[in-house]
């Protein structure tokens, strides 16, 4: 484990267990999301959304809220 990696451990745990929806996007694709974000998007798991286009997910969420 590198110094950087070991210093990330407490922060990663904080984000993963946060009640706030948190997700990371690179090049328009979701690369990380915590359990709160999974619930916000209404997905069965993070794996179901990883690699998908974040704008598509946001549009789906907005359309579902209007119904």
C-alpha atoms as a PDB file:
ATOM      1  CA  UNK A   1       0.000   0.000   0.000  1.00  0.00           C
ATOM      2  CA  UNK A   2       1.434   3.399  -0.940  1.00  0.00           C
ATOM      3  CA  UNK A   3       1.316   6.453   1.300  1.00  0.00           C
ATOM      4  CA  UNK A   4      -1.347   7.987  -0.922  1.00  0.00           C
ATOM      5  CA  UNK A   5      -3.466   4.852  -0.882  1.00  0.00           C
ATOM      6  CA  UNK A   6      -3.226   4.429   2.884  1.00  0.00           C
ATOM      7  CA  UNK A   7      -4.209   8.059   3.411  1.00  0.00           C
ATOM      8  CA  UNK A   8      -7.259   7.552   1.184  1.00  0.00           C
ATOM      9  CA  UNK A   9      -8.692   4.757   3.333  1.00  0.00           C
ATOM     10  CA  UNK A  10     -10.429   6.942   5.955  1.00  0.00           C
ATOM     11  CA  UNK A  11     -11.768   9.341   3.310  1.00  0.00           C
ATOM     12  CA  UNK A  12     -13.073   6.533   1.135  1.00  0.00           C
ATOM     13  CA  UNK A  13     -14.873   5.009   4.140  1.00  0.00           C
ATOM     14  CA  UNK A  14     -16.355   8.427   4.961  1.00  0.00           C
ATOM     15  CA  UNK A  15     -17.704   8.845   1.418  1.00  0.00           C
ATOM     16  CA  UNK A  16     -18.944   5.261   1.146  1.00  0.00           C
ATOM     17  CA  UNK A  17     -20.958   5.566   4.373  1.00  0.00           C
ATOM     18  CA  UNK A  18     -22.139   9.136   3.897  1.00  0.00           C
ATOM     19  CA  UNK A  19     -25.897   9.757   3.934  1.00  0.00           C
ATOM     20  CA  UNK A  20     -25.296  12.231   1.092  1.00  0.00           C
ATOM     21  CA  UNK A  21     -25.376  10.911  -2.465  1.00  0.00           C
ATOM     22  CA  UNK A  22     -21.835  11.064  -3.809  1.00  0.00           C
ATOM     23  CA  UNK A  23     -20.623   9.962  -7.203  1.00  0.00           C
ATOM     24  CA  UNK A  24     -17.553  10.536  -9.355  1.00  0.00           C
ATOM     25  CA  UNK A  25     -17.721  11.156 -13.088  1.00  0.00           C
ATOM     26  CA  UNK A  26     -14.839  10.915 -15.548  1.00  0.00           C
ATOM     27  CA  UNK A  27     -15.314  11.735 -19.214  1.00  0.00           C
ATOM     28  CA  UNK A  28     -19.075  11.809 -18.665  1.00  0.00           C
ATOM     29  CA  UNK A  29     -19.229   8.292 -17.196  1.00  0.00           C
ATOM     30  CA  UNK A  30     -19.961   7.278 -13.609  1.00  0.00           C
ATOM     31  CA  UNK A  31     -16.837   5.653 -12.144  1.00  0.00           C
ATOM     32  CA  UNK A  32     -17.800   5.557  -8.448  1.00  0.00           C
ATOM     33  CA  UNK A  33     -20.943   5.960  -6.387  1.00  0.00           C
ATOM     34  CA  UNK A  34     -21.846   5.384  -2.777  1.00  0.00           C
ATOM     35  CA  UNK A  35     -24.967   3.594  -1.513  1.00  0.00           C
ATOM     36  CA  UNK A  36     -26.843   6.887  -1.110  1.00  0.00           C
ATOM     37  CA  UNK A  37     -26.275   7.692  -4.786  1.00  0.00           C
ATOM     38  CA  UNK A  38     -27.459   4.214  -5.757  1.00  0.00           C
ATOM     39  CA  UNK A  39     -30.712   4.883  -3.861  1.00  0.00           C
ATOM     40  CA  UNK A  40     -31.028   8.363  -5.383  1.00  0.00           C
ATOM     41  CA  UNK A  41     -30.814   6.920  -8.893  1.00  0.00           C
ATOM     42  CA  UNK A  42     -33.124   4.038  -7.960  1.00  0.00           C
ATOM     43  CA  UNK A  43     -30.626   1.450  -9.147  1.00  0.00           C
ATOM     44  CA  UNK A  44     -30.344  -2.113  -7.823  1.00  0.00           C
ATOM     45  CA  UNK A  45     -26.579  -1.678  -7.273  1.00  0.00           C
ATOM     46  CA  UNK A  46     -23.641   0.594  -8.044  1.00  0.00           C
ATOM     47  CA  UNK A  47     -22.421  -1.944 -10.588  1.00  0.00           C
ATOM     48  CA  UNK A  48     -25.635  -1.412 -12.574  1.00  0.00           C
ATOM     49  CA  UNK A  49     -24.650   2.227 -13.165  1.00  0.00           C
ATOM     50  CA  UNK A  50     -20.857   2.206 -13.288  1.00  0.00           C
ATOM     51  CA  UNK A  51     -19.664   3.151 -16.750  1.00  0.00           C
ATOM     52  CA  UNK A  52     -22.985   4.667 -17.780  1.00  0.00           C
ATOM     53  CA  UNK A  53     -23.452   8.226 -18.990  1.00  0.00           C
ATOM     54  CA  UNK A  54     -24.259  10.510 -16.062  1.00  0.00           C
ATOM     55  CA  UNK A  55     -26.469  12.792 -18.174  1.00  0.00           C
ATOM     56  CA  UNK A  56     -28.639   9.834 -19.161  1.00  0.00           C
ATOM     57  CA  UNK A  57     -29.049   8.935 -15.467  1.00  0.00           C
ATOM     58  CA  UNK A  58     -29.920  12.507 -14.494  1.00  0.00           C
ATOM     59  CA  UNK A  59     -32.490  12.744 -17.285  1.00  0.00           C
ATOM     60  CA  UNK A  60     -34.090   9.459 -16.210  1.00  0.00           C
ATOM     61  CA  UNK A  61     -34.221  10.670 -12.598  1.00  0.00           C
ATOM     62  CA  UNK A  62     -35.858  13.964 -13.572  1.00  0.00           C
ATOM     63  CA  UNK A  63     -38.425  12.235 -15.784  1.00  0.00           C
ATOM     64  CA  UNK A  64     -39.292   9.763 -13.019  1.00  0.00           C
ATOM     65  CA  UNK A  65     -39.785  12.587 -10.501  1.00  0.00           C
ATOM     66  CA  UNK A  66     -42.269  14.323 -12.820  1.00  0.00           C
ATOM     67  CA  UNK A  67     -44.539  11.266 -12.998  1.00  0.00           C
END
